[in-house]
Amino acid sequence: VIEQQITIIFSHAGTEDTTILYRNFNNKSNSFPLLGLNETTRTPGFAEGITLTFNRFGEIFSLMFKAISALFTPEGFDSLGGGVSMYQMSKTTASQGVFAYIWYLAVISINLGFFNLLPIPALDGARLYISICEGITKKKLNTKIEGYMNLVGLVLLFGLMIVVTIKDIVGLF
């Protein structure tokens, strides 16, 4: 086991305090775990908070596009997780405090909203794009074709769900 020692010196109002942290190398992620320290503890004002919220939302949204393109690589598929992974991550995040857990829930909500808007049959995104096309062409899509599209989309989504769940369960052992 590779262990790293980190010495942190706190200085405030003329007094100093020293803390030593130890962290073990994680072979699975091929890195040391993050320490979880922030640069600042300043609370932003209301207007700045709104700006920061939209900036973070944009960052997460752009990361989702990168994540989708990375899914088609071996590394991307390895990082894919389902319900079991979400439970484990939820448990870990909850142990870090209420704000970390709320942040985790916000990221999950943004991810679900983003994924639901993708133009995959059986999701709302496909229905949105079909409605836009119907509005432009002024013609209704054949319900049989739409039904088959949704069936194929559901089969693909359930297949992905099964594969990811099996991957999660195998990862437990």
N, C-alpha and C. Protein backbone atom coordinates (compact mmCIF):
# COMPACT_ATOMS: atom_id res chain seq x y z
N VAL A 1 0.85 -1.18 0.00
CA VAL A 1 0.00 0.00 0.00
C VAL A 1 0.90 1.24 0.00
N ILE A 2 0.63 2.12 -0.95
CA ILE A 2 1.37 3.38 -1.01
C ILE A 2 0.60 4.41 -0.20
N GLU A 3 1.29 5.00 0.79
CA GLU A 3 0.64 5.98 1.65
C GLU A 3 1.32 7.32 1.46
N GLN A 4 0.51 8.37 1.42
CA GLN A 4 1.04 9.72 1.27
C GLN A 4 0.74 10.52 2.54
N GLN A 5 1.75 11.22 3.05
CA GLN A 5 1.57 12.06 4.23
C GLN A 5 1.53 13.51 3.78
N ILE A 6 0.51 14.23 4.24
CA ILE A 6 0.36 15.64 3.89
C ILE A 6 0.28 16.44 5.18
N THR A 7 1.15 17.43 5.30
CA THR A 7 1.17 18.29 6.48
C THR A 7 0.50 19.61 6.12
N ILE A 8 -0.51 19.98 6.91
CA ILE A 8 -1.23 21.23 6.68
C ILE A 8 -1.01 22.12 7.90
N ILE A 9 -0.58 23.36 7.64
CA ILE A 9 -0.36 24.32 8.72
C ILE A 9 -1.43 25.41 8.60
N PHE A 10 -2.25 25.55 9.64
CA PHE A 10 -3.29 26.56 9.69
C PHE A 10 -2.73 27.76 10.43
N SER A 11 -2.95 28.94 9.89
CA SER A 11 -2.51 30.16 10.56
C SER A 11 -3.68 31.14 10.58
N HIS A 12 -4.04 31.57 11.79
CA HIS A 12 -5.15 32.52 11.92
C HIS A 12 -4.93 33.38 13.16
N ALA A 13 -4.99 34.68 12.98
CA ALA A 13 -4.88 35.65 14.07
C ALA A 13 -3.63 35.41 14.91
N GLY A 14 -2.53 35.12 14.26
CA GLY A 14 -1.27 34.98 14.95
C GLY A 14 -1.02 33.62 15.59
N THR A 15 -1.96 32.70 15.48
CA THR A 15 -1.73 31.36 16.04
C THR A 15 -1.64 30.36 14.90
N GLU A 16 -0.82 29.34 15.14
CA GLU A 16 -0.64 28.30 14.14
C GLU A 16 -1.03 26.95 14.71
N ASP A 17 -1.57 26.09 13.84
CA ASP A 17 -1.92 24.73 14.22
C ASP A 17 -1.52 23.83 13.06
N THR A 18 -1.00 22.69 13.38
CA THR A 18 -0.54 21.75 12.35
C THR A 18 -1.37 20.47 12.41
N THR A 19 -1.75 20.00 11.23
CA THR A 19 -2.47 18.74 11.10
C THR A 19 -1.78 17.89 10.05
N ILE A 20 -1.66 16.61 10.32
CA ILE A 20 -1.06 15.69 9.36
C ILE A 20 -2.16 14.76 8.86
N LEU A 21 -2.29 14.68 7.54
CA LEU A 21 -3.27 13.81 6.91
C LEU A 21 -2.54 12.68 6.18
N TYR A 22 -3.15 11.51 6.17
CA TYR A 22 -2.60 10.37 5.45
C TYR A 22 -3.66 9.88 4.47
N ARG A 23 -3.22 9.55 3.27
CA ARG A 23 -4.16 8.95 2.31
C ARG A 23 -3.46 7.84 1.55
N ASN A 24 -4.22 6.79 1.27
CA ASN A 24 -3.68 5.61 0.60
C ASN A 24 -3.99 5.65 -0.90
N PHE A 25 -3.04 5.19 -1.69
CA PHE A 25 -3.21 5.13 -3.13
C PHE A 25 -4.31 4.13 -3.48
N ASN A 26 -5.22 4.54 -4.36
CA ASN A 26 -6.33 3.69 -4.79
C ASN A 26 -5.95 3.06 -6.13
N ASN A 27 -5.70 1.75 -6.12
CA ASN A 27 -5.30 1.07 -7.35
C ASN A 27 -6.41 1.04 -8.39
N LYS A 28 -7.65 1.01 -7.94
CA LYS A 28 -8.77 0.93 -8.87
C LYS A 28 -8.88 2.21 -9.71
N SER A 29 -8.77 3.37 -9.07
CA SER A 29 -8.86 4.64 -9.79
C SER A 29 -7.48 5.14 -10.23
N ASN A 30 -6.42 4.44 -9.82
CA ASN A 30 -5.04 4.78 -10.17
C ASN A 30 -4.68 6.20 -9.71
N SER A 31 -5.14 6.57 -8.51
CA SER A 31 -4.84 7.90 -7.99
C SER A 31 -5.03 7.92 -6.47
N PHE A 32 -4.61 9.00 -5.88
CA PHE A 32 -4.88 9.22 -4.47
C PHE A 32 -6.26 9.84 -4.35
N PRO A 33 -7.00 9.56 -3.30
CA PRO A 33 -8.32 10.20 -3.14
C PRO A 33 -8.16 11.69 -2.89
N LEU A 34 -9.17 12.46 -3.27
CA LEU A 34 -9.16 13.90 -3.05
C LEU A 34 -9.30 14.19 -1.56
N LEU A 35 -8.74 15.30 -1.14
CA LEU A 35 -8.81 15.66 0.28
C LEU A 35 -10.11 16.36 0.63
N GLY A 36 -10.72 17.03 -0.32
CA GLY A 36 -11.98 17.70 -0.04
C GLY A 36 -11.82 19.07 0.60
N LEU A 37 -10.69 19.73 0.39
CA LEU A 37 -10.49 21.07 0.93
C LEU A 37 -10.90 22.09 -0.12
N ASN A 38 -11.51 23.19 0.31
CA ASN A 38 -11.89 24.26 -0.59
C ASN A 38 -10.92 25.42 -0.43
N GLU A 39 -10.83 26.23 -1.49
CA GLU A 39 -9.95 27.39 -1.44
C GLU A 39 -10.49 28.44 -0.47
N THR A 40 -11.80 28.54 -0.40
CA THR A 40 -12.39 29.62 0.38
C THR A 40 -13.67 29.14 1.06
N THR A 41 -14.04 29.82 2.10
CA THR A 41 -15.30 29.52 2.77
C THR A 41 -16.23 30.72 2.69
N ARG A 42 -15.89 31.68 1.84
CA ARG A 42 -16.70 32.90 1.69
C ARG A 42 -18.07 32.54 1.10
N THR A 43 -19.12 33.09 1.64
CA THR A 43 -20.47 32.88 1.13
C THR A 43 -20.79 33.98 0.13
N PRO A 44 -21.14 33.61 -1.11
CA PRO A 44 -21.44 34.65 -2.11
C PRO A 44 -22.77 35.34 -1.81
N GLY A 45 -22.90 36.57 -2.32
CA GLY A 45 -24.17 37.29 -2.20
C GLY A 45 -25.21 36.68 -3.13
N PHE A 46 -26.44 37.18 -3.07
CA PHE A 46 -27.54 36.60 -3.84
C PHE A 46 -27.26 36.65 -5.34
N ALA A 47 -26.91 37.83 -5.88
CA ALA A 47 -26.69 37.97 -7.33
C ALA A 47 -25.51 37.11 -7.77
N GLU A 48 -24.45 37.12 -6.97
CA GLU A 48 -23.28 36.30 -7.31
C GLU A 48 -23.63 34.81 -7.24
N GLY A 49 -24.49 34.44 -6.29
CA GLY A 49 -24.92 33.06 -6.16
C GLY A 49 -25.69 32.60 -7.39
N ILE A 50 -26.55 33.47 -7.91
CA ILE A 50 -27.30 33.14 -9.13
C ILE A 50 -26.34 32.94 -10.29
N THR A 51 -25.37 33.83 -10.43
CA THR A 51 -24.38 33.71 -11.50
C THR A 51 -23.58 32.42 -11.36
N LEU A 52 -23.13 32.13 -10.14
CA LEU A 52 -22.38 30.90 -9.91
C LEU A 52 -23.22 29.66 -10.22
N THR A 53 -24.50 29.72 -9.88
CA THR A 53 -25.40 28.59 -10.15
C THR A 53 -25.48 28.32 -11.65
N PHE A 54 -25.69 29.36 -12.45
CA PHE A 54 -25.78 29.17 -13.90
C PHE A 54 -24.45 28.73 -14.49
N ASN A 55 -23.34 29.24 -13.94
CA ASN A 55 -22.02 28.81 -14.42
C ASN A 55 -21.81 27.32 -14.15
N ARG A 56 -22.12 26.90 -12.93
CA ARG A 56 -21.97 25.48 -12.58
C ARG A 56 -22.88 24.60 -13.43
N PHE A 57 -24.12 25.06 -13.64
CA PHE A 57 -25.06 24.32 -14.47
C PHE A 57 -24.48 24.14 -15.87
N GLY A 58 -23.91 25.22 -16.42
CA GLY A 58 -23.30 25.15 -17.75
C GLY A 58 -22.11 24.19 -17.77
N GLU A 59 -21.30 24.21 -16.71
CA GLU A 59 -20.17 23.29 -16.64
C GLU A 59 -20.63 21.84 -16.62
N ILE A 60 -21.65 21.56 -15.82
CA ILE A 60 -22.16 20.19 -15.74
C ILE A 60 -22.77 19.78 -17.07
N PHE A 61 -23.50 20.69 -17.69
CA PHE A 61 -24.14 20.40 -18.97
C PHE A 61 -23.10 20.08 -20.05
N SER A 62 -22.02 20.87 -20.09
CA SER A 62 -20.97 20.61 -21.08
C SER A 62 -20.24 19.30 -20.77
N LEU A 63 -20.07 18.99 -19.49
CA LEU A 63 -19.46 17.72 -19.12
C LEU A 63 -20.32 16.54 -19.57
N MET A 64 -21.63 16.72 -19.59
CA MET A 64 -22.52 15.65 -20.05
C MET A 64 -22.28 15.34 -21.53
N PHE A 65 -22.07 16.36 -22.35
CA PHE A 65 -21.77 16.12 -23.76
C PHE A 65 -20.46 15.36 -23.90
N LYS A 66 -19.46 15.75 -23.12
CA LYS A 66 -18.17 15.04 -23.16
C LYS A 66 -18.33 13.61 -22.68
N ALA A 67 -19.15 13.40 -21.65
CA ALA A 67 -19.36 12.06 -21.11
C ALA A 67 -20.05 11.16 -22.13
N ILE A 68 -21.00 11.70 -22.86
CA ILE A 68 -21.70 10.89 -23.86
C ILE A 68 -20.74 10.48 -24.97
N SER A 69 -19.90 11.38 -25.43
CA SER A 69 -18.93 11.01 -26.47
C SER A 69 -17.89 10.03 -25.92
N ALA A 70 -17.57 10.14 -24.63
CA ALA A 70 -16.59 9.23 -24.03
C ALA A 70 -17.17 7.84 -23.78
N LEU A 71 -18.50 7.71 -23.78
CA LEU A 71 -19.11 6.39 -23.54
C LEU A 71 -18.72 5.36 -24.58
N PHE A 72 -18.34 5.83 -25.74
CA PHE A 72 -18.01 4.92 -26.83
C PHE A 72 -16.54 4.53 -26.82
N THR A 73 -15.88 4.79 -25.69
CA THR A 73 -14.49 4.35 -25.50
C THR A 73 -14.48 3.37 -24.33
N PRO A 74 -13.48 2.50 -24.25
CA PRO A 74 -13.43 1.56 -23.11
C PRO A 74 -13.37 2.26 -21.76
N GLU A 75 -12.64 3.37 -21.66
CA GLU A 75 -12.54 4.09 -20.39
C GLU A 75 -13.89 4.68 -20.00
N GLY A 76 -14.63 5.19 -21.00
CA GLY A 76 -15.94 5.78 -20.73
C GLY A 76 -16.92 4.74 -20.23
N PHE A 77 -16.90 3.57 -20.84
CA PHE A 77 -17.82 2.51 -20.41
C PHE A 77 -17.45 2.03 -19.01
N ASP A 78 -16.16 1.97 -18.71
CA ASP A 78 -15.73 1.55 -17.37
C ASP A 78 -16.23 2.51 -16.29
N SER A 79 -16.36 3.79 -16.63
CA SER A 79 -16.79 4.77 -15.64
C SER A 79 -18.32 4.87 -15.54
N LEU A 80 -19.02 4.17 -16.41
CA LEU A 80 -20.48 4.19 -16.41
C LEU A 80 -21.01 3.43 -15.19
N GLY A 81 -22.01 3.99 -14.53
CA GLY A 81 -22.56 3.34 -13.35
C GLY A 81 -24.08 3.39 -13.37
N GLY A 82 -24.68 2.45 -12.71
CA GLY A 82 -26.14 2.37 -12.63
C GLY A 82 -26.62 2.58 -11.21
N GLY A 83 -27.70 1.90 -10.89
CA GLY A 83 -28.34 2.07 -9.59
C GLY A 83 -27.45 1.69 -8.42
N VAL A 84 -26.69 0.61 -8.58
CA VAL A 84 -25.81 0.16 -7.49
C VAL A 84 -24.72 1.20 -7.25
N SER A 85 -24.11 1.70 -8.32
CA SER A 85 -23.08 2.74 -8.19
C SER A 85 -23.66 4.02 -7.59
N MET A 86 -24.87 4.36 -8.02
CA MET A 86 -25.50 5.57 -7.48
C MET A 86 -25.76 5.42 -5.99
N TYR A 87 -26.17 4.24 -5.56
CA TYR A 87 -26.38 4.01 -4.13
C TYR A 87 -25.07 4.16 -3.36
N GLN A 88 -24.00 3.54 -3.87
CA GLN A 88 -22.71 3.62 -3.18
C GLN A 88 -22.22 5.06 -3.12
N MET A 89 -22.35 5.78 -4.23
CA MET A 89 -21.90 7.17 -4.26
C MET A 89 -22.77 8.04 -3.35
N SER A 90 -24.07 7.74 -3.31
CA SER A 90 -24.98 8.47 -2.44
C SER A 90 -24.60 8.28 -0.98
N LYS A 91 -24.27 7.05 -0.62
CA LYS A 91 -23.88 6.75 0.75
C LYS A 91 -22.59 7.49 1.11
N THR A 92 -21.62 7.47 0.21
CA THR A 92 -20.36 8.16 0.44
C THR A 92 -20.57 9.66 0.57
N THR A 93 -21.37 10.23 -0.33
CA THR A 93 -21.61 11.67 -0.31
C THR A 93 -22.37 12.09 0.93
N ALA A 94 -23.34 11.29 1.36
CA ALA A 94 -24.11 11.61 2.56
C ALA A 94 -23.22 11.67 3.79
N SER A 95 -22.18 10.86 3.81
CA SER A 95 -21.27 10.87 4.96
C SER A 95 -20.40 12.12 5.00
N GLN A 96 -20.37 12.86 3.88
CA GLN A 96 -19.56 14.08 3.82
C GLN A 96 -20.34 15.33 4.24
N GLY A 97 -21.61 15.16 4.54
CA GLY A 97 -22.39 16.30 5.02
C GLY A 97 -23.57 16.61 4.13
N VAL A 98 -24.45 17.44 4.66
CA VAL A 98 -25.70 17.74 3.98
C VAL A 98 -25.48 18.55 2.70
N PHE A 99 -24.52 19.47 2.69
CA PHE A 99 -24.30 20.29 1.49
C PHE A 99 -23.72 19.45 0.36
N ALA A 100 -22.82 18.55 0.68
CA ALA A 100 -22.27 17.66 -0.34
C ALA A 100 -23.38 16.77 -0.91
N TYR A 101 -24.27 16.32 -0.05
CA TYR A 101 -25.37 15.45 -0.50
C TYR A 101 -26.36 16.22 -1.38
N ILE A 102 -26.66 17.45 -1.01
CA ILE A 102 -27.56 18.28 -1.82
C ILE A 102 -26.92 18.54 -3.18
N TRP A 103 -25.62 18.80 -3.20
CA TRP A 103 -24.91 19.01 -4.46
C TRP A 103 -24.99 17.75 -5.32
N TYR A 104 -24.78 16.61 -4.71
CA TYR A 104 -24.87 15.33 -5.44
C TYR A 104 -26.26 15.14 -6.04
N LEU A 105 -27.30 15.43 -5.27
CA LEU A 105 -28.67 15.31 -5.77
C LEU A 105 -28.94 16.28 -6.91
N ALA A 106 -28.37 17.48 -6.83
CA ALA A 106 -28.54 18.46 -7.91
C ALA A 106 -27.88 17.96 -9.20
N VAL A 107 -26.69 17.41 -9.07
CA VAL A 107 -25.99 16.89 -10.25
C VAL A 107 -26.77 15.72 -10.86
N ILE A 108 -27.29 14.84 -10.02
CA ILE A 108 -28.10 13.72 -10.51
C ILE A 108 -29.33 14.25 -11.25
N SER A 109 -29.99 15.26 -10.70
CA SER A 109 -31.19 15.83 -11.33
C SER A 109 -30.86 16.44 -12.69
N ILE A 110 -29.76 17.17 -12.77
CA ILE A 110 -29.35 17.76 -14.05
C ILE A 110 -29.05 16.65 -15.06
N ASN A 111 -28.35 15.61 -14.61
CA ASN A 111 -28.02 14.50 -15.51
C ASN A 111 -29.28 13.80 -16.02
N LEU A 112 -30.25 13.57 -15.14
CA LEU A 112 -31.50 12.93 -15.56
C LEU A 112 -32.26 13.80 -16.56
N GLY A 113 -32.31 15.09 -16.29
CA GLY A 113 -32.99 16.00 -17.22
C GLY A 113 -32.30 16.03 -18.57
N PHE A 114 -30.99 16.08 -18.56
CA PHE A 114 -30.22 16.09 -19.81
C PHE A 114 -30.46 14.80 -20.58
N PHE A 115 -30.34 13.67 -19.91
CA PHE A 115 -30.51 12.37 -20.56
C PHE A 115 -31.92 12.23 -21.13
N ASN A 116 -32.91 12.71 -20.40
CA ASN A 116 -34.30 12.60 -20.84
C ASN A 116 -34.57 13.43 -22.09
N LEU A 117 -33.79 14.49 -22.31
CA LEU A 117 -33.99 15.33 -23.49
C LEU A 117 -33.21 14.86 -24.72
N LEU A 118 -32.45 13.79 -24.58
CA LEU A 118 -31.74 13.26 -25.75
C LEU A 118 -32.75 12.68 -26.74
N PRO A 119 -32.46 12.77 -28.03
CA PRO A 119 -33.42 12.27 -29.03
C PRO A 119 -33.41 10.75 -29.16
N ILE A 120 -33.63 10.07 -28.05
CA ILE A 120 -33.68 8.62 -28.03
C ILE A 120 -35.15 8.22 -27.98
N PRO A 121 -35.59 7.36 -28.92
CA PRO A 121 -37.00 6.95 -28.86
C PRO A 121 -37.36 6.41 -27.48
N ALA A 122 -38.55 6.68 -27.04
CA ALA A 122 -39.11 6.31 -25.74
C ALA A 122 -38.78 7.34 -24.66
N LEU A 123 -37.96 8.33 -24.97
CA LEU A 123 -37.69 9.42 -24.02
C LEU A 123 -38.39 10.69 -24.49
N ASP A 124 -38.51 11.67 -23.61
CA ASP A 124 -39.19 12.91 -23.95
C ASP A 124 -38.49 13.68 -25.07
N GLY A 125 -37.18 13.54 -25.17
CA GLY A 125 -36.44 14.24 -26.21
C GLY A 125 -36.88 13.81 -27.60
N ALA A 126 -37.09 12.53 -27.81
CA ALA A 126 -37.56 12.06 -29.11
C ALA A 126 -38.95 12.60 -29.40
N ARG A 127 -39.81 12.61 -28.39
CA ARG A 127 -41.17 13.15 -28.58
C ARG A 127 -41.10 14.62 -28.94
N LEU A 128 -40.19 15.36 -28.30
CA LEU A 128 -40.01 16.79 -28.60
C LEU A 128 -39.60 16.99 -30.05
N TYR A 129 -38.61 16.21 -30.51
CA TYR A 129 -38.13 16.36 -31.89
C TYR A 129 -39.19 15.93 -32.90
N ILE A 130 -39.95 14.90 -32.57
CA ILE A 130 -41.04 14.48 -33.46
C ILE A 130 -42.09 15.58 -33.55
N SER A 131 -42.42 16.19 -32.42
CA SER A 131 -43.40 17.28 -32.42
C SER A 131 -42.91 18.47 -33.23
N ILE A 132 -41.63 18.78 -33.13
CA ILE A 132 -41.06 19.88 -33.92
C ILE A 132 -41.17 19.56 -35.41
N CYS A 133 -40.79 18.32 -35.79
CA CYS A 133 -40.88 17.91 -37.20
C CYS A 133 -42.33 17.94 -37.69
N GLU A 134 -43.26 17.48 -36.85
CA GLU A 134 -44.67 17.51 -37.23
C GLU A 134 -45.16 18.95 -37.39
N GLY A 135 -44.67 19.85 -36.56
CA GLY A 135 -45.05 21.25 -36.66
C GLY A 135 -44.51 21.89 -37.93
N ILE A 136 -43.30 21.50 -38.32
CA ILE A 136 -42.70 22.06 -39.53
C ILE A 136 -43.37 21.51 -40.79
N THR A 137 -43.57 20.18 -40.83
CA THR A 137 -44.14 19.55 -42.03
C THR A 137 -45.66 19.59 -42.05
N LYS A 138 -46.29 19.91 -40.93
CA LYS A 138 -47.75 19.93 -40.80
C LYS A 138 -48.37 18.56 -41.08
N LYS A 139 -47.58 17.49 -40.91
CA LYS A 139 -48.07 16.13 -41.09
C LYS A 139 -47.81 15.34 -39.82
N LYS A 140 -48.76 14.52 -39.43
CA LYS A 140 -48.63 13.68 -38.25
C LYS A 140 -47.84 12.43 -38.62
N LEU A 141 -46.92 12.04 -37.74
CA LEU A 141 -46.15 10.82 -37.95
C LEU A 141 -47.07 9.62 -37.75
N ASN A 142 -46.89 8.61 -38.59
CA ASN A 142 -47.68 7.39 -38.50
C ASN A 142 -47.51 6.79 -37.10
N THR A 143 -48.62 6.50 -36.42
CA THR A 143 -48.55 6.00 -35.05
C THR A 143 -47.87 4.64 -34.96
N LYS A 144 -47.99 3.83 -36.01
CA LYS A 144 -47.30 2.53 -36.01
C LYS A 144 -45.78 2.74 -36.02
N ILE A 145 -45.32 3.66 -36.85
CA ILE A 145 -43.88 3.94 -36.93
C ILE A 145 -43.39 4.49 -35.58
N GLU A 146 -44.15 5.41 -35.02
CA GLU A 146 -43.77 5.97 -33.72
C GLU A 146 -43.75 4.89 -32.65
N GLY A 147 -44.72 3.99 -32.68
CA GLY A 147 -44.76 2.88 -31.73
C GLY A 147 -43.55 1.97 -31.85
N TYR A 148 -43.17 1.64 -33.09
CA TYR A 148 -41.99 0.79 -33.30
C TYR A 148 -40.71 1.49 -32.86
N MET A 149 -40.65 2.81 -33.13
CA MET A 149 -39.47 3.57 -32.69
C MET A 149 -39.36 3.52 -31.16
N ASN A 150 -40.49 3.73 -30.49
CA ASN A 150 -40.48 3.69 -29.02
C ASN A 150 -40.13 2.31 -28.50
N LEU A 151 -40.61 1.26 -29.17
CA LEU A 151 -40.29 -0.10 -28.76
C LEU A 151 -38.79 -0.36 -28.87
N VAL A 152 -38.21 0.02 -30.00
CA VAL A 152 -36.76 -0.16 -30.19
C VAL A 152 -35.99 0.65 -29.14
N GLY A 153 -36.42 1.88 -28.88
CA GLY A 153 -35.76 2.71 -27.87
C GLY A 153 -35.83 2.08 -26.49
N LEU A 154 -37.01 1.55 -26.13
CA LEU A 154 -37.16 0.90 -24.83
C LEU A 154 -36.28 -0.34 -24.71
N VAL A 155 -36.24 -1.15 -25.77
CA VAL A 155 -35.40 -2.35 -25.74
C VAL A 155 -33.93 -1.96 -25.56
N LEU A 156 -33.48 -0.94 -26.28
CA LEU A 156 -32.08 -0.49 -26.14
C LEU A 156 -31.82 0.06 -24.74
N LEU A 157 -32.75 0.86 -24.20
CA LEU A 157 -32.57 1.42 -22.87
C LEU A 157 -32.55 0.33 -21.80
N PHE A 158 -33.47 -0.62 -21.89
CA PHE A 158 -33.49 -1.72 -20.91
C PHE A 158 -32.24 -2.59 -21.05
N GLY A 159 -31.78 -2.79 -22.28
CA GLY A 159 -30.54 -3.54 -22.49
C GLY A 159 -29.36 -2.85 -21.83
N LEU A 160 -29.26 -1.54 -22.04
CA LEU A 160 -28.18 -0.77 -21.41
C LEU A 160 -28.30 -0.84 -19.89
N MET A 161 -29.53 -0.73 -19.37
CA MET A 161 -29.75 -0.80 -17.93
C MET A 161 -29.29 -2.15 -17.37
N ILE A 162 -29.60 -3.21 -18.06
CA ILE A 162 -29.22 -4.55 -17.61
C ILE A 162 -27.70 -4.71 -17.63
N VAL A 163 -27.06 -4.26 -18.72
CA VAL A 163 -25.60 -4.37 -18.83
C VAL A 163 -24.91 -3.57 -17.73
N VAL A 164 -25.38 -2.35 -17.48
CA VAL A 164 -24.76 -1.49 -16.47
C VAL A 164 -24.98 -2.07 -15.07
N THR A 165 -26.16 -2.62 -14.80
CA THR A 165 -26.43 -3.22 -13.49
C THR A 165 -25.54 -4.44 -13.26
N ILE A 166 -25.39 -5.26 -14.29
CA ILE A 166 -24.49 -6.44 -14.17
C ILE A 166 -23.07 -5.96 -13.92
N LYS A 167 -22.64 -4.93 -14.65
CA LYS A 167 -21.28 -4.37 -14.46
C LYS A 167 -21.12 -3.86 -13.02
N ASP A 168 -22.14 -3.19 -12.49
CA ASP A 168 -22.10 -2.69 -11.10
C ASP A 168 -21.98 -3.83 -10.10
N ILE A 169 -22.79 -4.87 -10.30
CA ILE A 169 -22.79 -5.99 -9.36
C ILE A 169 -21.45 -6.74 -9.41
N VAL A 170 -20.92 -6.93 -10.63
CA VAL A 170 -19.61 -7.59 -10.77
C VAL A 170 -18.52 -6.74 -10.09
N GLY A 171 -18.67 -5.40 -10.20
CA GLY A 171 -17.71 -4.49 -9.58
C GLY A 171 -17.70 -4.54 -8.06
N LEU A 172 -18.79 -5.05 -7.47
CA LEU A 172 -18.85 -5.16 -6.01
C LEU A 172 -17.90 -6.23 -5.49
N PHE A 173 -17.61 -7.22 -6.34
CA PHE A 173 -16.82 -8.37 -5.89
C PHE A 173 -15.43 -8.34 -6.40
